[in-house]
Amino acid sequence: MEIRGIYGAKLAYEPADQETRKGAVVICPGGGYGYLSPREAEPVAEAFREKGYMPLILYYDVESPVLGTRPMEQAAWAVKHARELQPGSPVFICGFSAGGHLAASLGVHWDDQALFAPEEWKESHRPDGLILCYPVITAGPKAHRESIRRLAGEGDWTYFGLEQYVSRNTPPAFIWHTAEDGTVPVENSLLFAGRLSENKVPFELLVYPYGVHGLSLATPEVAEPDKDRWADEHVAGWFDACIQWMENCFAGKGEEK
């Protein structure tokens, strides 16, 4: 089913056949804040579904000339709705590339009182965990400038340089990247992980030596040989590692152990 939310956001999901207590995952496809990649949407949702999680795909705004905080406010709405569907269970937000920036934006700015009030609304949209797949993070020298420009235009980019806003209130994170990513440099993930470490926020970081940007699940289903995106069994291991991280970090919340 699909529902519409703030600023026209669309959230697509299938009601669970039976109540699951593992939790929900809001999925934010990438696309440089200019489009939404189908390879990072339904195939990812199906993978989480097979592991017992309820996936919800967020189709956020990529049409407005200058997006500002609209996508982040849409992500907050999506997490709140996921929590209503899975009360008492953890709610994760998973993003790829620019979608990773969106997920991390909510992770660091969820308590921004200029955007989110009152207090009970703030708490309801804070993700329990972040899953960041080759994420855009910084607005500095290693920025994916096209993504940040879509958010801020030619104005002040500071708010969208996320490593500067990591705090002890940032949710735990699972992060993966490839070292030879030529589109979004691996330094984006390293900067974010470094700030998490400084603030004593738990995280897991996987950096694979080879692979281009945009590998998604890195399985045959999502391969794009014309863009040098091949299935890679080693890189594809990120998904099982992520599931283990989710279940290890959040054991005791939601599913009965």
C-alpha atoms as a PDB file:
ATOM      1  CA  MET A   1       0.000   0.000   0.000  1.00  0.00           C
ATOM      2  CA  GLU A   2       0.984   3.640  -0.376  1.00  0.00           C
ATOM      3  CA  ILE A   3       0.269   6.651   1.775  1.00  0.00           C
ATOM      4  CA  ARG A   4       1.012  10.322   1.241  1.00  0.00           C
ATOM      5  CA  GLY A   5       2.563  12.546   3.854  1.00  0.00           C
ATOM      6  CA  ILE A   6       4.232  15.874   4.430  1.00  0.00           C
ATOM      7  CA  TYR A   7       5.143  17.832   1.260  1.00  0.00           C
ATOM      8  CA  GLY A   8       3.695  15.017  -0.844  1.00  0.00           C
ATOM      9  CA  ALA A   9       6.094  12.316   0.329  1.00  0.00           C
ATOM     10  CA  LYS A  10       5.048   8.786  -0.588  1.00  0.00           C
ATOM     11  CA  LEU A  11       5.632   5.801   1.682  1.00  0.00           C
ATOM     12  CA  ALA A  12       5.217   2.364   0.116  1.00  0.00           C
ATOM     13  CA  TYR A  13       4.959  -0.805   2.190  1.00  0.00           C
ATOM     14  CA  GLU A  14       3.134  -4.079   2.568  1.00  0.00           C
ATOM     15  CA  PRO A  15       1.287  -4.723   5.811  1.00  0.00           C
ATOM     16  CA  ALA A  16       2.907  -7.687   7.535  1.00  0.00           C
ATOM     17  CA  ASP A  17       1.179 -11.031   7.062  1.00  0.00           C
ATOM     18  CA  GLN A  18       1.720 -11.611  10.737  1.00  0.00           C
ATOM     19  CA  GLU A  19       2.908  -9.326  13.478  1.00  0.00           C
ATOM     20  CA  THR A  20       6.685  -9.114  13.496  1.00  0.00           C
ATOM     21  CA  ARG A  21       8.573  -7.829  16.489  1.00  0.00           C
ATOM     22  CA  LYS A  22      11.950  -7.444  14.816  1.00  0.00           C
ATOM     23  CA  GLY A  23      11.200  -3.906  13.716  1.00  0.00           C
ATOM     24  CA  ALA A  24      10.803  -1.674  10.696  1.00  0.00           C
ATOM     25  CA  VAL A  25      13.256  -0.224   8.176  1.00  0.00           C
ATOM     26  CA  VAL A  26      12.578   3.032   6.314  1.00  0.00           C
ATOM     27  CA  ILE A  27      14.517   2.835   3.037  1.00  0.00           C
ATOM     28  CA  CYS A  28      15.769   5.998   1.308  1.00  0.00           C
ATOM     29  CA  PRO A  29      17.011   5.330  -2.241  1.00  0.00           C
ATOM     30  CA  GLY A  30      19.844   7.429  -3.612  1.00  0.00           C
ATOM     31  CA  GLY A  31      20.105   9.493  -6.751  1.00  0.00           C
ATOM     32  CA  GLY A  32      21.933  12.693  -5.905  1.00  0.00           C
ATOM     33  CA  TYR A  33      18.704  14.302  -4.670  1.00  0.00           C
ATOM     34  CA  GLY A  34      17.757  14.482  -8.351  1.00  0.00           C
ATOM     35  CA  TYR A  35      16.000  11.135  -8.821  1.00  0.00           C
ATOM     36  CA  LEU A  36      15.335   7.965  -6.813  1.00  0.00           C
ATOM     37  CA  SER A  37      17.164   4.804  -7.826  1.00  0.00           C
ATOM     38  CA  PRO A  38      14.864   1.767  -8.179  1.00  0.00           C
ATOM     39  CA  ARG A  39      17.880  -0.514  -7.575  1.00  0.00           C
ATOM     40  CA  GLU A  40      18.063   0.874  -4.031  1.00  0.00           C
ATOM     41  CA  ALA A  41      14.349   0.586  -3.339  1.00  0.00           C
ATOM     42  CA  GLU A  42      12.292  -2.597  -3.863  1.00  0.00           C
ATOM     43  CA  PRO A  43      15.221  -5.077  -4.057  1.00  0.00           C
ATOM     44  CA  VAL A  44      16.464  -3.750  -0.724  1.00  0.00           C
ATOM     45  CA  ALA A  45      12.963  -3.857   0.739  1.00  0.00           C
ATOM     46  CA  GLU A  46      12.585  -7.483  -0.290  1.00  0.00           C
ATOM     47  CA  ALA A  47      15.933  -8.374   1.297  1.00  0.00           C
ATOM     48  CA  PHE A  48      14.861  -6.882   4.641  1.00  0.00           C
ATOM     49  CA  ARG A  49      11.435  -8.488   4.334  1.00  0.00           C
ATOM     50  CA  GLU A  50      13.037 -11.913   3.966  1.00  0.00           C
ATOM     51  CA  LYS A  51      14.923 -11.309   7.218  1.00  0.00           C
ATOM     52  CA  GLY A  52      11.734 -10.586   9.148  1.00  0.00           C
ATOM     53  CA  TYR A  53      11.781  -6.779   9.121  1.00  0.00           C
ATOM     54  CA  MET A  54       8.998  -4.572   7.824  1.00  0.00           C
ATOM     55  CA  PRO A  55      10.435  -2.383   5.026  1.00  0.00           C
ATOM     56  CA  LEU A  56       8.943   0.944   4.039  1.00  0.00           C
ATOM     57  CA  ILE A  57      10.271   2.733   0.946  1.00  0.00           C
ATOM     58  CA  LEU A  58      10.302   6.518   1.236  1.00  0.00           C
ATOM     59  CA  TYR A  59       9.831   8.416  -2.022  1.00  0.00           C
ATOM     60  CA  TYR A  60      11.016  11.822  -0.887  1.00  0.00           C
ATOM     61  CA  ASP A  61      11.083  15.148  -2.696  1.00  0.00           C
ATOM     62  CA  VAL A  62      13.621  15.416  -5.502  1.00  0.00           C
ATOM     63  CA  GLU A  63      11.625  17.878  -7.611  1.00  0.00           C
ATOM     64  CA  SER A  64      11.785  21.192  -5.756  1.00  0.00           C
ATOM     65  CA  PRO A  65      14.399  23.610  -7.183  1.00  0.00           C
ATOM     66  CA  VAL A  66      16.084  23.967  -3.780  1.00  0.00           C
ATOM     67  CA  LEU A  67      15.112  21.148  -1.453  1.00  0.00           C
ATOM     68  CA  GLY A  68      16.303  22.547   1.876  1.00  0.00           C
ATOM     69  CA  THR A  69      15.071  20.448   4.797  1.00  0.00           C
ATOM     70  CA  ARG A  70      11.992  19.093   3.002  1.00  0.00           C
ATOM     71  CA  PRO A  71      13.431  15.573   2.483  1.00  0.00           C
ATOM     72  CA  MET A  72      14.525  15.387   6.124  1.00  0.00           C
ATOM     73  CA  GLU A  73      11.094  16.432   7.355  1.00  0.00           C
ATOM     74  CA  GLN A  74       9.618  13.758   5.103  1.00  0.00           C
ATOM     75  CA  ALA A  75      11.997  11.183   6.570  1.00  0.00           C
ATOM     76  CA  ALA A  76      10.911  12.208  10.074  1.00  0.00           C
ATOM     77  CA  TRP A  77       7.275  11.675   9.083  1.00  0.00           C
ATOM     78  CA  ALA A  78       8.148   8.249   7.647  1.00  0.00           C
ATOM     79  CA  VAL A  79       9.938   7.116  10.818  1.00  0.00           C
ATOM     80  CA  LYS A  80       7.022   8.296  12.933  1.00  0.00           C
ATOM     81  CA  HIS A  81       4.589   6.338  10.769  1.00  0.00           C
ATOM     82  CA  ALA A  82       6.801   3.233  10.898  1.00  0.00           C
ATOM     83  CA  ARG A  83       6.827   3.476  14.687  1.00  0.00           C
ATOM     84  CA  GLU A  84       3.048   3.581  14.734  1.00  0.00           C
ATOM     85  CA  LEU A  85       2.993   0.404  12.633  1.00  0.00           C
ATOM     86  CA  GLN A  86       5.571  -1.371  14.794  1.00  0.00           C
ATOM     87  CA  PRO A  87       5.002  -0.088  18.339  1.00  0.00           C
ATOM     88  CA  GLY A  88       7.644  -1.158  20.809  1.00  0.00           C
ATOM     89  CA  SER A  89      10.028  -2.397  18.096  1.00  0.00           C
ATOM     90  CA  PRO A  90      13.141  -0.646  16.780  1.00  0.00           C
ATOM     91  CA  VAL A  91      12.806   1.543  13.709  1.00  0.00           C
ATOM     92  CA  PHE A  92      15.855   1.895  11.466  1.00  0.00           C
ATOM     93  CA  ILE A  93      16.441   4.264   8.584  1.00  0.00           C
ATOM     94  CA  CYS A  94      18.555   2.936   5.705  1.00  0.00           C
ATOM     95  CA  GLY A  95      19.900   5.182   2.973  1.00  0.00           C
ATOM     96  CA  PHE A  96      22.094   4.857  -0.089  1.00  0.00           C
ATOM     97  CA  SER A  97      24.355   7.680  -1.336  1.00  0.00           C
ATOM     98  CA  ALA A  98      22.190  10.836  -1.176  1.00  0.00           C
ATOM     99  CA  GLY A  99      19.626   8.684   0.613  1.00  0.00           C
ATOM    100  CA  GLY A 100      22.389   7.959   3.112  1.00  0.00           C
ATOM    101  CA  HIS A 101      22.793  11.692   3.566  1.00  0.00           C
ATOM    102  CA  LEU A 102      19.058  11.911   4.198  1.00  0.00           C
ATOM    103  CA  ALA A 103      19.175   9.110   6.781  1.00  0.00           C
ATOM    104  CA  ALA A 104      22.210  10.638   8.502  1.00  0.00           C
ATOM    105  CA  SER A 105      20.588  14.098   8.391  1.00  0.00           C
ATOM    106  CA  LEU A 106      17.704  12.823  10.477  1.00  0.00           C
ATOM    107  CA  GLY A 107      20.218  11.058  12.707  1.00  0.00           C
ATOM    108  CA  VAL A 108      22.038  14.273  13.586  1.00  0.00           C
ATOM    109  CA  HIS A 109      19.228  16.831  13.294  1.00  0.00           C
ATOM    110  CA  TRP A 110      16.268  14.915  14.764  1.00  0.00           C
ATOM    111  CA  ASP A 111      16.411  17.122  17.877  1.00  0.00           C
ATOM    112  CA  ASP A 112      16.579  20.425  15.987  1.00  0.00           C
ATOM    113  CA  GLN A 113      13.920  22.405  17.827  1.00  0.00           C
ATOM    114  CA  ALA A 114      13.574  24.845  14.943  1.00  0.00           C
ATOM    115  CA  LEU A 115      12.155  22.016  12.832  1.00  0.00           C
ATOM    116  CA  PHE A 116      10.675  19.455  15.182  1.00  0.00           C
ATOM    117  CA  ALA A 117       8.297  20.238  18.019  1.00  0.00           C
ATOM    118  CA  PRO A 118       6.723  19.520  20.413  1.00  0.00           C
ATOM    119  CA  GLU A 119       8.859  17.176  22.495  1.00  0.00           C
ATOM    120  CA  GLU A 120       6.701  14.083  22.039  1.00  0.00           C
ATOM    121  CA  TRP A 121       6.868  14.488  18.244  1.00  0.00           C
ATOM    122  CA  LYS A 122      10.643  14.746  18.381  1.00  0.00           C
ATOM    123  CA  GLU A 123      11.028  11.495  20.254  1.00  0.00           C
ATOM    124  CA  SER A 124       8.646   9.643  17.944  1.00  0.00           C
ATOM    125  CA  HIS A 125      10.675  10.383  14.827  1.00  0.00           C
ATOM    126  CA  ARG A 126      14.164   9.681  16.188  1.00  0.00           C
ATOM    127  CA  PRO A 127      15.473   6.528  14.432  1.00  0.00           C
ATOM    128  CA  ASP A 128      16.781   3.803  16.693  1.00  0.00           C
ATOM    129  CA  GLY A 129      19.598   3.048  14.254  1.00  0.00           C
ATOM    130  CA  LEU A 130      21.136   4.379  11.034  1.00  0.00           C
ATOM    131  CA  ILE A 131      22.150   2.170   8.099  1.00  0.00           C
ATOM    132  CA  LEU A 132      24.362   4.253   5.814  1.00  0.00           C
ATOM    133  CA  CYS A 133      25.413   2.777   2.486  1.00  0.00           C
ATOM    134  CA  TYR A 134      28.177   4.746   0.693  1.00  0.00           C
ATOM    135  CA  PRO A 135      26.603   7.889   2.141  1.00  0.00           C
ATOM    136  CA  VAL A 136      27.074  11.495   1.157  1.00  0.00           C
ATOM    137  CA  ILE A 137      28.055  13.177   4.448  1.00  0.00           C
ATOM    138  CA  THR A 138      30.283  16.195   4.193  1.00  0.00           C
ATOM    139  CA  ALA A 139      29.864  19.635   2.631  1.00  0.00           C
ATOM    140  CA  GLY A 140      33.625  20.165   2.772  1.00  0.00           C
ATOM    141  CA  PRO A 141      36.440  19.309   0.341  1.00  0.00           C
ATOM    142  CA  LYS A 142      35.256  15.699  -0.144  1.00  0.00           C
ATOM    143  CA  ALA A 143      31.621  16.664  -0.719  1.00  0.00           C
ATOM    144  CA  HIS A 144      29.448  15.254  -3.452  1.00  0.00           C
ATOM    145  CA  ARG A 145      28.744  18.775  -4.502  1.00  0.00           C
ATOM    146  CA  GLU A 146      25.756  18.027  -6.724  1.00  0.00           C
ATOM    147  CA  SER A 147      23.841  16.535  -3.783  1.00  0.00           C
ATOM    148  CA  ILE A 148      24.604  19.394  -1.410  1.00  0.00           C
ATOM    149  CA  ARG A 149      23.786  21.965  -4.073  1.00  0.00           C
ATOM    150  CA  ARG A 150      20.359  20.351  -4.583  1.00  0.00           C
ATOM    151  CA  LEU A 151      19.681  20.948  -0.888  1.00  0.00           C
ATOM    152  CA  ALA A 152      21.186  24.360  -0.318  1.00  0.00           C
ATOM    153  CA  GLY A 153      21.573  25.901  -3.766  1.00  0.00           C
ATOM    154  CA  GLU A 154      24.372  28.440  -3.779  1.00  0.00           C
ATOM    155  CA  GLY A 155      23.614  29.492  -0.203  1.00  0.00           C
ATOM    156  CA  ASP A 156      25.176  28.377   3.074  1.00  0.00           C
ATOM    157  CA  TRP A 157      26.007  24.662   2.980  1.00  0.00           C
ATOM    158  CA  THR A 158      26.951  24.406   6.664  1.00  0.00           C
ATOM    159  CA  TYR A 159      23.776  22.707   7.922  1.00  0.00           C
ATOM    160  CA  PHE A 160      24.192  19.891   5.411  1.00  0.00           C
ATOM    161  CA  GLY A 161      27.779  19.042   6.411  1.00  0.00           C
ATOM    162  CA  LEU A 162      26.639  16.332   8.784  1.00  0.00           C
ATOM    163  CA  GLU A 163      29.856  15.303  10.510  1.00  0.00           C
ATOM    164  CA  GLN A 164      29.840  18.658  12.313  1.00  0.00           C
ATOM    165  CA  TYR A 165      26.514  17.860  14.009  1.00  0.00           C
ATOM    166  CA  VAL A 166      27.206  14.395  15.394  1.00  0.00           C
ATOM    167  CA  SER A 167      26.559  14.292  19.136  1.00  0.00           C
ATOM    168  CA  ARG A 168      25.916  11.792  21.880  1.00  0.00           C
ATOM    169  CA  ASN A 169      22.264  11.967  20.866  1.00  0.00           C
ATOM    170  CA  THR A 170      23.016  10.580  17.393  1.00  0.00           C
ATOM    171  CA  PRO A 171      21.657   7.021  16.965  1.00  0.00           C
ATOM    172  CA  PRO A 172      24.034   4.069  16.552  1.00  0.00           C
ATOM    173  CA  ALA A 173      25.102   3.466  12.968  1.00  0.00           C
ATOM    174  CA  PHE A 174      26.096   0.733  10.551  1.00  0.00           C
ATOM    175  CA  ILE A 175      28.153   2.197   7.694  1.00  0.00           C
ATOM    176  CA  TRP A 176      29.715   0.694   4.595  1.00  0.00           C
ATOM    177  CA  HIS A 177      31.631   2.103   1.644  1.00  0.00           C
ATOM    178  CA  THR A 178      34.180   1.053  -0.968  1.00  0.00           C
ATOM    179  CA  ALA A 179      37.654   2.541  -0.857  1.00  0.00           C
ATOM    180  CA  GLU A 180      37.753   3.185  -4.602  1.00  0.00           C
ATOM    181  CA  ASP A 181      34.375   4.948  -4.803  1.00  0.00           C
ATOM    182  CA  GLY A 182      35.063   7.717  -7.302  1.00  0.00           C
ATOM    183  CA  THR A 183      31.712   9.479  -6.935  1.00  0.00           C
ATOM    184  CA  VAL A 184      31.287   9.831  -3.176  1.00  0.00           C
ATOM    185  CA  PRO A 185      34.766   9.490  -1.639  1.00  0.00           C
ATOM    186  CA  VAL A 186      35.155   7.058   1.234  1.00  0.00           C
ATOM    187  CA  GLU A 187      36.255   9.989   3.408  1.00  0.00           C
ATOM    188  CA  ASN A 188      32.551  10.789   3.791  1.00  0.00           C
ATOM    189  CA  SER A 189      32.029   7.622   5.813  1.00  0.00           C
ATOM    190  CA  LEU A 190      35.346   7.975   7.617  1.00  0.00           C
ATOM    191  CA  LEU A 191      34.503  11.503   8.750  1.00  0.00           C
ATOM    192  CA  PHE A 192      31.134  10.411  10.119  1.00  0.00           C
ATOM    193  CA  ALA A 193      32.574   7.343  11.846  1.00  0.00           C
ATOM    194  CA  GLY A 194      35.321   9.451  13.384  1.00  0.00           C
ATOM    195  CA  ARG A 195      32.813  11.842  14.886  1.00  0.00           C
ATOM    196  CA  LEU A 196      30.706   8.958  16.184  1.00  0.00           C
ATOM    197  CA  SER A 197      33.797   7.581  17.880  1.00  0.00           C
ATOM    198  CA  GLU A 198      34.620  10.944  19.447  1.00  0.00           C
ATOM    199  CA  ASN A 199      31.098  11.124  20.860  1.00  0.00           C
ATOM    200  CA  LYS A 200      31.109   7.492  22.038  1.00  0.00           C
ATOM    201  CA  VAL A 201      28.190   6.534  19.793  1.00  0.00           C
ATOM    202  CA  PRO A 202      28.321   2.826  18.867  1.00  0.00           C
ATOM    203  CA  PHE A 203      28.963   2.120  15.194  1.00  0.00           C
ATOM    204  CA  GLU A 204      30.172  -0.531  12.797  1.00  0.00           C
ATOM    205  CA  LEU A 205      32.154   0.519   9.719  1.00  0.00           C
ATOM    206  CA  LEU A 206      32.995  -1.722   6.762  1.00  0.00           C
ATOM    207  CA  VAL A 207      35.284  -0.445   4.000  1.00  0.00           C
ATOM    208  CA  TYR A 208      35.682  -2.773   1.025  1.00  0.00           C
ATOM    209  CA  PRO A 209      38.822  -2.310  -1.074  1.00  0.00           C
ATOM    210  CA  TYR A 210      37.186  -2.507  -4.504  1.00  0.00           C
ATOM    211  CA  GLY A 211      33.946  -1.464  -6.133  1.00  0.00           C
ATOM    212  CA  VAL A 212      32.415   1.562  -7.813  1.00  0.00           C
ATOM    213  CA  HIS A 213      29.732   3.788  -6.374  1.00  0.00           C
ATOM    214  CA  GLY A 214      26.124   2.623  -6.293  1.00  0.00           C
ATOM    215  CA  LEU A 215      26.462  -1.139  -5.808  1.00  0.00           C
ATOM    216  CA  SER A 216      23.227  -1.430  -3.791  1.00  0.00           C
ATOM    217  CA  LEU A 217      23.028  -5.054  -2.577  1.00  0.00           C
ATOM    218  CA  ALA A 218      25.941  -6.024  -4.889  1.00  0.00           C
ATOM    219  CA  THR A 219      23.944  -9.075  -6.011  1.00  0.00           C
ATOM    220  CA  PRO A 220      23.194 -10.266  -9.570  1.00  0.00           C
ATOM    221  CA  GLU A 221      19.673  -8.873  -9.266  1.00  0.00           C
ATOM    222  CA  VAL A 222      20.912  -5.266  -9.077  1.00  0.00           C
ATOM    223  CA  ALA A 223      23.996  -5.532 -11.299  1.00  0.00           C
ATOM    224  CA  GLU A 224      24.504  -2.860 -13.980  1.00  0.00           C
ATOM    225  CA  PRO A 225      27.417  -4.037 -16.152  1.00  0.00           C
ATOM    226  CA  ASP A 226      27.157  -0.964 -18.399  1.00  0.00           C
ATOM    227  CA  LYS A 227      28.048   1.143 -15.340  1.00  0.00           C
ATOM    228  CA  ASP A 228      30.675  -1.315 -14.065  1.00  0.00           C
ATOM    229  CA  ARG A 229      28.367  -2.323 -11.212  1.00  0.00           C
ATOM    230  CA  TRP A 230      28.940  -6.047 -11.019  1.00  0.00           C
ATOM    231  CA  ALA A 231      27.709  -8.567  -8.505  1.00  0.00           C
ATOM    232  CA  ASP A 232      30.401  -8.982  -5.863  1.00  0.00           C
ATOM    233  CA  GLU A 233      30.017 -11.715  -3.277  1.00  0.00           C
ATOM    234  CA  HIS A 234      32.456 -10.041  -0.912  1.00  0.00           C
ATOM    235  CA  VAL A 235      30.751  -6.640  -0.982  1.00  0.00           C
ATOM    236  CA  ALA A 236      27.328  -8.306  -0.858  1.00  0.00           C
ATOM    237  CA  GLY A 237      28.309  -9.536   2.601  1.00  0.00           C
ATOM    238  CA  TRP A 238      27.452  -6.075   3.923  1.00  0.00           C
ATOM    239  CA  PHE A 239      23.806  -7.050   4.133  1.00  0.00           C
ATOM    240  CA  ASP A 240      24.213 -10.080   6.408  1.00  0.00           C
ATOM    241  CA  ALA A 241      26.695  -8.095   8.521  1.00  0.00           C
ATOM    242  CA  CYS A 242      24.083  -5.360   8.817  1.00  0.00           C
ATOM    243  CA  ILE A 243      21.406  -7.816   9.931  1.00  0.00           C
ATOM    244  CA  GLN A 244      23.766  -9.165  12.592  1.00  0.00           C
ATOM    245  CA  TRP A 245      24.489  -5.619  13.758  1.00  0.00           C
ATOM    246  CA  MET A 246      20.766  -4.854  13.972  1.00  0.00           C
ATOM    247  CA  GLU A 247      20.021  -7.969  15.980  1.00  0.00           C
ATOM    248  CA  ASN A 248      23.064  -7.702  18.237  1.00  0.00           C
ATOM    249  CA  CYS A 249      22.651  -4.012  19.023  1.00  0.00           C
ATOM    250  CA  PHE A 250      18.909  -4.106  19.523  1.00  0.00           C
ATOM    251  CA  ALA A 251      18.385  -7.507  21.133  1.00  0.00           C
ATOM    252  CA  GLY A 252      15.820  -7.134  23.863  1.00  0.00           C
ATOM    253  CA  LYS A 253      13.840  -4.393  22.132  1.00  0.00           C
ATOM    254  CA  GLY A 254      10.888  -5.628  20.145  1.00  0.00           C
ATOM    255  CA  GLU A 255      11.288  -9.303  19.335  1.00  0.00           C
ATOM    256  CA  GLU A 256      11.080 -11.639  22.302  1.00  0.00           C
ATOM    257  CA  LYS A 257      14.414 -13.355  22.872  1.00  0.00           C
END
